[in-house]
Structure formats: structure tokens, C-alpha cells
Amino acid sequence: MPINNAAGLPWTELFSDRCPHCGAALIGDLIPEEDRRPGGPDRYRRDIGVETNDYDGILYWTCPDCDAAWPGWLGRGARADLARRRAAEHNQRVAETPDQERRVRAAAAVEAPRVDEILALAGLTSPRA
């Protein structure tokens, strides 16, 4: 497959339904019929768009399974260079983080704290107690 873009990846991998690093499926569950827009997608996507202070918008994408990143911008220019640099920095951080620590951080990021835990941190008691 020819590599024909500045990111160094085949186009089919950049705009794919699979992670270019681990091959995980990035297509999620069906969007309920009542929530679909005419001409819009019929499934959710699992890839995660990351915004940074450098750019107002998605600069790179990450995989929810392997946490690897790939640039959100192609071609040449400052924006594409920044996207590639930030994606590479993300991948370096992931490579340096032990698996267990990464799993704990990921779980903490998606689990909403319970009311009891928030009140305990504030030194208060739960109204249910």
C-alpha cells in the first residue's frame, strides 16, 4: 500500500475504522434511530479526539484500547507539524507509563465520583447516613 501523505501512513489507515496501531475496531454502537440526523452516521465512533492549548480543535486522535495517538491533520504546514509532534509526545508518555498505572488513571477518568465520596472529602456526611 503506498504511503502518500506527510504523516507517513497509508490513507486507508488514517481514515479507517480501525486503530492504525493496534487494529482495534473504532466503530461503536448504533445511534438510536430518533437521535440520527438525515445523511449523518448511524454508529458512534470510539476514537477520542484530543484538544490542546496549541490549537482550538481536535489536534490528534487516540485509541480507547491501546491509548496510542495519530495526527488529526495531514499534509504540510505548521498545524500538521504540531499535530504530528503532539501525537508523538502522547505516544512517548504512554510508552513510559506502566500498564497498571495507565489502567488506574483511565478508570479514574471515566468513573464519576459518588456523592458519598465527595462529601467525605469535604468533611461532611451523606444525607443518607
Protein backbone atom coordinates (compact mmCIF):
# COMPACT_ATOMS: atom_id res chain seq x y z
CA MET A 1 0.00 0.00 0.00
CA PRO A 2 1.57 3.34 -0.99
CA ILE A 3 2.41 5.89 1.65
CA ASN A 4 1.27 9.17 0.17
CA ASN A 5 0.95 11.71 2.95
CA ALA A 6 3.15 13.66 5.33
CA ALA A 7 2.08 11.55 8.30
CA GLY A 8 3.78 8.54 6.72
CA LEU A 9 0.69 6.34 6.90
CA PRO A 10 -1.42 4.95 4.06
CA TRP A 11 -4.62 6.96 3.58
CA THR A 12 -6.70 3.88 4.29
CA GLU A 13 -5.12 3.63 7.74
CA LEU A 14 -5.63 7.30 8.56
CA PHE A 15 -9.30 7.27 7.64
CA SER A 16 -10.05 3.77 8.76
CA ASP A 17 -12.50 2.12 11.10
CA ARG A 18 -9.54 0.51 12.87
CA CYS A 19 -6.74 1.88 15.05
CA PRO A 20 -3.59 2.28 12.95
CA HIS A 21 -1.51 0.99 15.89
CA CYS A 22 -3.35 -2.00 17.41
CA GLY A 23 -6.06 -2.67 14.81
CA ALA A 24 -8.94 -2.31 17.30
CA ALA A 25 -12.34 -1.51 15.80
CA LEU A 26 -13.20 2.18 16.21
CA ILE A 27 -16.85 1.86 15.19
CA GLY A 28 -19.12 1.74 18.21
CA ASP A 29 -22.76 1.00 18.93
CA LEU A 30 -25.70 2.01 16.76
CA ILE A 31 -27.03 5.52 17.26
CA PRO A 32 -30.71 5.30 18.24
CA GLU A 33 -32.98 6.00 15.27
CA GLU A 34 -34.57 9.03 16.97
CA ASP A 35 -31.12 10.62 17.50
CA ARG A 36 -29.86 10.22 13.93
CA ARG A 37 -29.69 13.11 11.50
CA PRO A 38 -30.54 12.72 7.83
CA GLY A 39 -27.34 11.88 5.95
CA GLY A 40 -25.41 11.52 9.21
CA PRO A 41 -23.66 8.48 10.66
CA ASP A 42 -25.62 5.54 12.01
CA ARG A 43 -22.97 4.44 14.52
CA TYR A 44 -20.93 6.10 17.24
CA ARG A 45 -17.14 6.21 16.93
CA ARG A 46 -14.82 5.07 19.70
CA ASP A 47 -11.69 7.08 18.84
CA ILE A 48 -11.05 10.02 21.15
CA GLY A 49 -10.28 13.48 19.77
CA VAL A 50 -7.72 15.41 21.84
CA GLU A 51 -7.62 19.21 22.01
CA THR A 52 -4.57 21.02 23.36
CA ASN A 53 -3.76 24.61 24.27
CA ASP A 54 -1.83 24.86 21.00
CA TYR A 55 -4.86 24.65 18.72
CA ASP A 56 -8.61 25.26 19.07
CA GLY A 57 -9.94 21.96 17.80
CA ILE A 58 -9.02 18.29 17.63
CA LEU A 59 -5.27 18.06 17.08
CA TYR A 60 -4.82 14.28 17.32
CA TRP A 61 -6.84 11.12 17.93
CA THR A 62 -6.27 8.35 20.48
CA CYS A 63 -7.40 4.73 20.61
CA PRO A 64 -9.50 3.75 23.66
CA ASP A 65 -7.92 0.28 23.67
CA CYS A 66 -4.15 0.87 23.31
CA ASP A 67 -4.05 4.64 24.08
CA ALA A 68 -1.83 5.24 21.02
CA ALA A 69 -2.22 8.52 19.12
CA TRP A 70 -2.19 9.56 15.47
CA PRO A 71 -2.30 13.07 13.98
CA GLY A 72 -5.59 14.71 13.18
CA TRP A 73 -4.09 16.87 10.42
CA LEU A 74 -2.32 15.75 7.27
CA GLY A 75 -0.16 17.42 4.72
CA ARG A 76 2.39 20.13 5.31
CA GLY A 77 2.45 23.26 7.38
CA ALA A 78 2.60 24.35 10.99
CA ARG A 79 -0.71 22.78 12.03
CA ALA A 80 0.17 19.35 10.58
CA ASP A 81 3.65 19.51 12.15
CA LEU A 82 2.14 20.39 15.53
CA ALA A 83 -0.36 17.52 15.27
CA ARG A 84 2.39 15.02 14.47
CA ARG A 85 4.59 16.35 17.29
CA ARG A 86 1.82 16.23 19.92
CA ALA A 87 0.74 12.72 18.82
CA ALA A 88 4.37 11.55 19.10
CA GLU A 89 4.68 13.13 22.58
CA HIS A 90 1.47 11.37 23.66
CA ASN A 91 2.81 8.02 22.42
CA GLN A 92 6.08 8.60 24.29
CA ARG A 93 4.20 9.29 27.55
CA VAL A 94 2.14 6.13 27.06
CA ALA A 95 5.28 4.07 26.42
CA GLU A 96 6.85 5.37 29.64
CA THR A 97 3.78 4.74 31.83
CA PRO A 98 3.46 1.30 33.45
CA ASP A 99 0.36 -0.59 32.31
CA GLN A 100 -1.19 -0.83 35.78
CA GLU A 101 -0.82 2.92 36.42
CA ARG A 102 -2.33 3.68 33.00
CA ARG A 103 -5.33 1.43 33.71
CA VAL A 104 -5.91 3.07 37.10
CA ARG A 105 -5.74 6.58 35.59
CA ALA A 106 -8.05 5.61 32.74
CA ALA A 107 -10.59 4.08 35.13
CA ALA A 108 -10.47 7.15 37.38
CA ALA A 109 -11.07 9.43 34.41
CA VAL A 110 -14.28 7.68 33.37
CA GLU A 111 -15.73 6.82 36.77
CA ALA A 112 -17.75 9.68 38.20
CA PRO A 113 -17.17 10.13 41.92
CA ARG A 114 -20.07 9.13 44.13
CA VAL A 115 -21.83 11.74 46.25
CA ASP A 116 -20.68 9.98 49.44
CA GLU A 117 -17.03 10.24 48.37
CA ILE A 118 -17.34 13.94 47.54
CA LEU A 119 -18.99 14.69 50.89
CA ALA A 120 -16.34 12.68 52.75
CA LEU A 121 -13.58 14.67 51.06
CA ALA A 122 -15.31 17.87 52.19
CA GLY A 123 -15.59 16.56 55.76
CA LEU A 124 -19.38 16.28 55.56
CA THR A 125 -21.70 13.32 56.00
CA SER A 126 -24.08 11.88 53.47
CA PRO A 127 -27.76 12.86 53.83
CA ARG A 128 -28.47 9.12 53.59
CA ALA A 129 -26.35 8.35 56.66
